[in-house]
Amino acid sequence: MRPLPDLLDFSPQKLQQKLKQQTRATASSSSSKFAPAAGVTRTAETSSSSKFATAAGKTRTAETSSSSKFATAAGKTRTAETSSSSEFTPAAGKIRAADSSSSSKFAAAEDKASATET
């Protein structure tokens, strides 16, 4: 049987070691800057900020739930499809008019059936 990977080791010594590796100085509520582990200062990201820090330390604008755009996995934005829209985006990305129940056209089979009944 193979030994478990290091990530699954929950011994107190390993947890303490990982905690030391990931620890950095935290921002105080009154401070506008905080010191990372390297000792370099940078501005603190707050919850009211319009930007947030990614894992790499770079900032990008935050997508909000009220925004008309959302981020795809690639990081690019596209317009959001809403349920109240009269058009929808098929898988290919092209737009076509939505079929409504109040349309003045019906299927050909229904037209033939109604013609034979009269």
N, C-alpha and C. Protein backbone atom coordinates (compact mmCIF):
# COMPACT_ATOMS: atom_id res chain seq x y z
N MET A 1 0.85 -1.20 0.00
CA MET A 1 0.00 0.00 0.00
C MET A 1 0.89 1.25 0.00
N ARG A 2 0.51 2.22 -0.83
CA ARG A 2 1.31 3.44 -0.94
C ARG A 2 1.05 4.36 0.24
N PRO A 3 2.06 5.12 0.68
CA PRO A 3 1.83 6.09 1.77
C PRO A 3 0.96 7.24 1.28
N LEU A 4 0.24 7.84 2.20
CA LEU A 4 -0.64 8.96 1.86
C LEU A 4 0.20 10.16 1.43
N PRO A 5 -0.35 10.97 0.51
CA PRO A 5 0.37 12.18 0.13
C PRO A 5 0.51 13.13 1.32
N ASP A 6 1.44 14.05 1.20
CA ASP A 6 1.72 15.00 2.27
C ASP A 6 0.51 15.88 2.57
N LEU A 7 -0.35 16.10 1.57
CA LEU A 7 -1.51 16.97 1.77
C LEU A 7 -2.52 16.38 2.75
N LEU A 8 -2.53 15.05 2.85
CA LEU A 8 -3.50 14.40 3.71
C LEU A 8 -2.96 14.13 5.10
N ASP A 9 -1.78 14.59 5.40
CA ASP A 9 -1.17 14.39 6.71
C ASP A 9 -1.68 15.47 7.65
N PHE A 10 -2.48 15.08 8.64
CA PHE A 10 -3.09 16.04 9.57
C PHE A 10 -2.46 15.98 10.96
N SER A 11 -1.22 15.54 11.05
CA SER A 11 -0.56 15.49 12.35
C SER A 11 -0.33 16.92 12.84
N PRO A 12 -0.29 17.14 14.16
CA PRO A 12 -0.10 18.49 14.70
C PRO A 12 1.18 19.16 14.22
N GLN A 13 2.23 18.38 14.06
CA GLN A 13 3.49 18.96 13.61
C GLN A 13 3.37 19.48 12.18
N LYS A 14 2.75 18.71 11.31
CA LYS A 14 2.58 19.13 9.90
C LYS A 14 1.67 20.35 9.81
N LEU A 15 0.59 20.35 10.58
CA LEU A 15 -0.34 21.48 10.54
C LEU A 15 0.35 22.75 11.02
N GLN A 16 1.15 22.64 12.07
CA GLN A 16 1.87 23.81 12.57
C GLN A 16 2.87 24.32 11.54
N GLN A 17 3.53 23.40 10.86
CA GLN A 17 4.51 23.78 9.84
C GLN A 17 3.83 24.49 8.67
N LYS A 18 2.69 23.96 8.21
CA LYS A 18 1.96 24.58 7.12
C LYS A 18 1.44 25.95 7.52
N LEU A 19 1.00 26.06 8.77
CA LEU A 19 0.49 27.34 9.25
C LEU A 19 1.58 28.40 9.25
N LYS A 20 2.77 28.03 9.63
CA LYS A 20 3.88 28.98 9.62
C LYS A 20 4.23 29.41 8.19
N GLN A 21 4.11 28.49 7.24
CA GLN A 21 4.42 28.82 5.85
C GLN A 21 3.40 29.79 5.27
N GLN A 22 2.16 29.67 5.69
CA GLN A 22 1.09 30.47 5.09
C GLN A 22 0.79 31.73 5.88
N THR A 23 1.43 31.92 7.02
CA THR A 23 1.12 33.06 7.89
C THR A 23 1.70 34.35 7.32
N ARG A 24 0.91 35.41 7.37
CA ARG A 24 1.39 36.74 7.04
C ARG A 24 0.69 37.72 7.99
N ALA A 25 1.24 38.88 8.09
CA ALA A 25 0.65 39.87 8.99
C ALA A 25 -0.73 40.26 8.51
N THR A 26 -1.66 40.39 9.43
CA THR A 26 -3.03 40.74 9.05
C THR A 26 -3.22 42.24 9.15
N ALA A 27 -4.22 42.72 8.45
CA ALA A 27 -4.49 44.16 8.44
C ALA A 27 -5.34 44.53 9.64
N SER A 28 -4.98 45.57 10.29
CA SER A 28 -5.82 46.06 11.37
C SER A 28 -6.94 46.90 10.77
N SER A 29 -8.03 47.05 11.51
CA SER A 29 -9.18 47.75 10.96
C SER A 29 -8.90 49.23 10.73
N SER A 30 -7.96 49.80 11.48
CA SER A 30 -7.68 51.22 11.32
C SER A 30 -6.54 51.49 10.34
N SER A 31 -5.81 50.45 9.96
CA SER A 31 -4.66 50.66 9.08
C SER A 31 -5.08 50.55 7.63
N SER A 32 -4.45 51.36 6.76
CA SER A 32 -4.74 51.26 5.34
C SER A 32 -3.73 50.41 4.61
N LYS A 33 -2.70 49.94 5.33
CA LYS A 33 -1.69 49.09 4.72
C LYS A 33 -1.34 47.99 5.70
N PHE A 34 -0.86 46.88 5.18
CA PHE A 34 -0.37 45.82 6.06
C PHE A 34 0.90 45.23 5.46
N ALA A 35 1.68 44.60 6.30
CA ALA A 35 2.95 44.05 5.84
C ALA A 35 2.82 42.57 5.53
N PRO A 36 3.07 42.15 4.29
CA PRO A 36 3.10 40.72 4.00
C PRO A 36 4.30 40.06 4.65
N ALA A 37 4.40 38.76 4.48
CA ALA A 37 5.48 38.02 5.13
C ALA A 37 6.84 38.52 4.67
N ALA A 38 6.95 38.99 3.42
CA ALA A 38 8.24 39.45 2.90
C ALA A 38 8.65 40.80 3.46
N GLY A 39 7.73 41.51 4.13
CA GLY A 39 8.05 42.80 4.69
C GLY A 39 7.73 43.96 3.78
N VAL A 40 7.23 43.69 2.60
CA VAL A 40 6.87 44.74 1.66
C VAL A 40 5.44 45.17 1.96
N THR A 41 5.16 46.46 1.85
CA THR A 41 3.82 46.95 2.15
C THR A 41 3.01 47.08 0.87
N ARG A 42 1.75 46.86 1.00
CA ARG A 42 0.82 47.07 -0.11
C ARG A 42 -0.51 47.48 0.49
N THR A 43 -1.37 48.09 -0.31
CA THR A 43 -2.65 48.54 0.21
C THR A 43 -3.53 47.33 0.50
N ALA A 44 -4.32 47.46 1.52
CA ALA A 44 -5.19 46.36 1.94
C ALA A 44 -6.44 46.34 1.08
N GLU A 45 -6.87 45.14 0.73
CA GLU A 45 -8.14 45.00 0.03
C GLU A 45 -9.24 44.88 1.06
N THR A 46 -10.23 45.75 0.98
CA THR A 46 -11.35 45.72 1.91
C THR A 46 -12.56 45.13 1.22
N SER A 47 -13.57 44.77 2.01
CA SER A 47 -14.78 44.19 1.45
C SER A 47 -15.57 45.21 0.64
N SER A 48 -15.36 46.50 0.90
CA SER A 48 -16.06 47.54 0.16
C SER A 48 -15.29 47.97 -1.08
N SER A 49 -14.14 47.38 -1.30
CA SER A 49 -13.32 47.76 -2.44
C SER A 49 -13.90 47.18 -3.72
N SER A 50 -13.64 47.83 -4.85
CA SER A 50 -14.10 47.33 -6.12
C SER A 50 -13.11 46.37 -6.75
N LYS A 51 -12.03 46.09 -6.05
CA LYS A 51 -11.03 45.16 -6.56
C LYS A 51 -10.70 44.16 -5.47
N PHE A 52 -10.24 43.00 -5.87
CA PHE A 52 -9.80 42.02 -4.89
C PHE A 52 -8.55 41.34 -5.40
N ALA A 53 -7.81 40.74 -4.48
CA ALA A 53 -6.53 40.14 -4.84
C ALA A 53 -6.72 38.70 -5.29
N THR A 54 -6.11 38.36 -6.39
CA THR A 54 -6.12 36.97 -6.84
C THR A 54 -4.99 36.24 -6.15
N ALA A 55 -4.88 34.95 -6.40
CA ALA A 55 -3.85 34.15 -5.74
C ALA A 55 -2.45 34.65 -6.10
N ALA A 56 -2.30 35.17 -7.31
CA ALA A 56 -0.99 35.64 -7.75
C ALA A 56 -0.64 37.01 -7.17
N GLY A 57 -1.60 37.66 -6.49
CA GLY A 57 -1.36 38.96 -5.92
C GLY A 57 -1.76 40.10 -6.83
N LYS A 58 -2.22 39.78 -8.02
CA LYS A 58 -2.67 40.82 -8.93
C LYS A 58 -4.13 41.12 -8.66
N THR A 59 -4.57 42.33 -9.04
CA THR A 59 -5.95 42.71 -8.79
C THR A 59 -6.74 42.70 -10.09
N ARG A 60 -8.02 42.44 -9.96
CA ARG A 60 -8.94 42.54 -11.08
C ARG A 60 -10.25 43.06 -10.53
N THR A 61 -11.07 43.59 -11.40
CA THR A 61 -12.34 44.13 -10.92
C THR A 61 -13.24 42.99 -10.47
N ALA A 62 -14.00 43.24 -9.45
CA ALA A 62 -14.87 42.21 -8.90
C ALA A 62 -16.16 42.11 -9.70
N GLU A 63 -16.60 40.88 -9.93
CA GLU A 63 -17.90 40.68 -10.57
C GLU A 63 -18.94 40.62 -9.48
N THR A 64 -19.97 41.44 -9.59
CA THR A 64 -21.04 41.44 -8.61
C THR A 64 -22.26 40.74 -9.17
N SER A 65 -23.16 40.33 -8.28
CA SER A 65 -24.36 39.64 -8.73
C SER A 65 -25.30 40.56 -9.49
N SER A 66 -25.19 41.87 -9.27
CA SER A 66 -26.05 42.81 -9.96
C SER A 66 -25.47 43.28 -11.29
N SER A 67 -24.29 42.78 -11.62
CA SER A 67 -23.64 43.20 -12.85
C SER A 67 -24.31 42.55 -14.06
N SER A 68 -24.23 43.21 -15.21
CA SER A 68 -24.79 42.64 -16.42
C SER A 68 -23.78 41.75 -17.14
N LYS A 69 -22.62 41.59 -16.57
CA LYS A 69 -21.62 40.73 -17.16
C LYS A 69 -21.10 39.78 -16.09
N PHE A 70 -20.60 38.64 -16.51
CA PHE A 70 -19.99 37.72 -15.56
C PHE A 70 -18.75 37.13 -16.18
N ALA A 71 -17.87 36.63 -15.34
CA ALA A 71 -16.59 36.12 -15.81
C ALA A 71 -16.71 34.65 -16.18
N THR A 72 -16.20 34.29 -17.34
CA THR A 72 -16.13 32.89 -17.71
C THR A 72 -14.88 32.30 -17.10
N ALA A 73 -14.69 31.00 -17.31
CA ALA A 73 -13.53 30.34 -16.71
C ALA A 73 -12.23 30.93 -17.23
N ALA A 74 -12.22 31.41 -18.46
CA ALA A 74 -11.01 31.97 -19.04
C ALA A 74 -10.72 33.38 -18.54
N GLY A 75 -11.66 33.97 -17.81
CA GLY A 75 -11.47 35.32 -17.29
C GLY A 75 -12.04 36.38 -18.20
N LYS A 76 -12.60 35.98 -19.34
CA LYS A 76 -13.21 36.95 -20.24
C LYS A 76 -14.65 37.16 -19.84
N THR A 77 -15.21 38.31 -20.20
CA THR A 77 -16.59 38.60 -19.84
C THR A 77 -17.49 38.49 -21.05
N ARG A 78 -18.73 38.15 -20.79
CA ARG A 78 -19.76 38.13 -21.83
C ARG A 78 -21.05 38.61 -21.20
N THR A 79 -21.96 39.07 -22.01
CA THR A 79 -23.21 39.57 -21.46
C THR A 79 -24.02 38.41 -20.91
N ALA A 80 -24.72 38.66 -19.83
CA ALA A 80 -25.51 37.62 -19.19
C ALA A 80 -26.84 37.45 -19.90
N GLU A 81 -27.27 36.20 -20.04
CA GLU A 81 -28.59 35.95 -20.61
C GLU A 81 -29.61 36.00 -19.47
N THR A 82 -30.64 36.81 -19.64
CA THR A 82 -31.68 36.92 -18.62
C THR A 82 -32.93 36.18 -19.07
N SER A 83 -33.75 35.79 -18.10
CA SER A 83 -34.97 35.06 -18.42
C SER A 83 -36.01 35.96 -19.07
N SER A 84 -35.92 37.27 -18.88
CA SER A 84 -36.89 38.18 -19.45
C SER A 84 -36.52 38.66 -20.85
N SER A 85 -35.41 38.18 -21.37
CA SER A 85 -34.96 38.62 -22.68
C SER A 85 -35.82 37.99 -23.77
N SER A 86 -35.98 38.70 -24.90
CA SER A 86 -36.74 38.16 -26.02
C SER A 86 -35.85 37.36 -26.95
N GLU A 87 -34.59 37.34 -26.67
CA GLU A 87 -33.64 36.57 -27.47
C GLU A 87 -32.79 35.76 -26.52
N PHE A 88 -32.28 34.66 -27.02
CA PHE A 88 -31.40 33.85 -26.19
C PHE A 88 -30.21 33.42 -27.02
N THR A 89 -29.16 33.03 -26.34
CA THR A 89 -27.92 32.65 -27.01
C THR A 89 -27.82 31.14 -27.08
N PRO A 90 -27.84 30.57 -28.29
CA PRO A 90 -27.63 29.13 -28.41
C PRO A 90 -26.19 28.76 -28.07
N ALA A 91 -25.90 27.48 -28.10
CA ALA A 91 -24.56 27.03 -27.73
C ALA A 91 -23.50 27.61 -28.66
N ALA A 92 -23.83 27.84 -29.92
CA ALA A 92 -22.85 28.36 -30.87
C ALA A 92 -22.55 29.84 -30.65
N GLY A 93 -23.37 30.52 -29.83
CA GLY A 93 -23.14 31.93 -29.54
C GLY A 93 -23.91 32.85 -30.48
N LYS A 94 -24.68 32.30 -31.40
CA LYS A 94 -25.47 33.14 -32.30
C LYS A 94 -26.81 33.43 -31.66
N ILE A 95 -27.42 34.52 -32.07
CA ILE A 95 -28.70 34.94 -31.48
C ILE A 95 -29.82 34.70 -32.49
N ARG A 96 -30.90 34.13 -32.01
CA ARG A 96 -32.09 33.98 -32.85
C ARG A 96 -33.30 34.35 -32.01
N ALA A 97 -34.37 34.71 -32.70
CA ALA A 97 -35.58 35.12 -32.00
C ALA A 97 -36.19 33.93 -31.27
N ALA A 98 -36.71 34.15 -30.09
CA ALA A 98 -37.33 33.08 -29.31
C ALA A 98 -38.72 32.79 -29.86
N ASP A 99 -39.09 31.50 -29.86
CA ASP A 99 -40.42 31.12 -30.31
C ASP A 99 -41.41 31.40 -29.19
N SER A 100 -42.46 32.13 -29.50
CA SER A 100 -43.46 32.44 -28.48
C SER A 100 -44.75 31.68 -28.80
N SER A 101 -45.56 31.47 -27.76
CA SER A 101 -46.82 30.75 -27.94
C SER A 101 -47.86 31.59 -28.68
N SER A 102 -47.67 32.90 -28.76
CA SER A 102 -48.62 33.78 -29.43
C SER A 102 -48.25 34.01 -30.90
N SER A 103 -47.38 33.16 -31.44
CA SER A 103 -46.94 33.33 -32.82
C SER A 103 -48.10 33.11 -33.78
N SER A 104 -48.06 33.78 -34.93
CA SER A 104 -49.14 33.65 -35.92
C SER A 104 -48.87 32.49 -36.88
N LYS A 105 -47.77 31.80 -36.70
CA LYS A 105 -47.46 30.66 -37.57
C LYS A 105 -47.51 29.38 -36.75
N PHE A 106 -47.96 28.31 -37.41
CA PHE A 106 -48.05 27.02 -36.74
C PHE A 106 -47.30 25.99 -37.57
N ALA A 107 -47.18 24.82 -37.02
CA ALA A 107 -46.51 23.75 -37.75
C ALA A 107 -47.34 23.33 -38.95
N ALA A 108 -46.67 22.84 -39.99
CA ALA A 108 -47.35 22.45 -41.22
C ALA A 108 -48.34 21.31 -40.97
N ALA A 109 -48.04 20.43 -40.07
CA ALA A 109 -48.94 19.31 -39.79
C ALA A 109 -50.27 19.81 -39.22
N GLU A 110 -50.23 20.85 -38.40
CA GLU A 110 -51.46 21.40 -37.84
C GLU A 110 -52.29 22.09 -38.92
N ASP A 111 -51.64 22.78 -39.86
CA ASP A 111 -52.36 23.45 -40.94
C ASP A 111 -53.10 22.42 -41.81
N LYS A 112 -52.44 21.34 -42.12
CA LYS A 112 -53.08 20.31 -42.95
C LYS A 112 -54.25 19.67 -42.21
N ALA A 113 -54.12 19.45 -40.93
CA ALA A 113 -55.18 18.82 -40.16
C ALA A 113 -56.39 19.74 -40.09
N SER A 114 -56.19 21.03 -39.92
CA SER A 114 -57.33 21.94 -39.83
C SER A 114 -58.00 22.12 -41.19
N ALA A 115 -57.22 21.99 -42.25
CA ALA A 115 -57.81 22.13 -43.59
C ALA A 115 -58.69 20.93 -43.92
N THR A 116 -58.33 19.76 -43.47
CA THR A 116 -59.13 18.58 -43.78
C THR A 116 -60.38 18.51 -42.93
N GLU A 117 -60.43 19.18 -41.81
CA GLU A 117 -61.61 19.13 -40.95
C GLU A 117 -62.74 19.99 -41.49
N THR A 118 -62.46 21.02 -42.25
CA THR A 118 -63.51 21.93 -42.71
C THR A 118 -64.20 21.41 -43.94
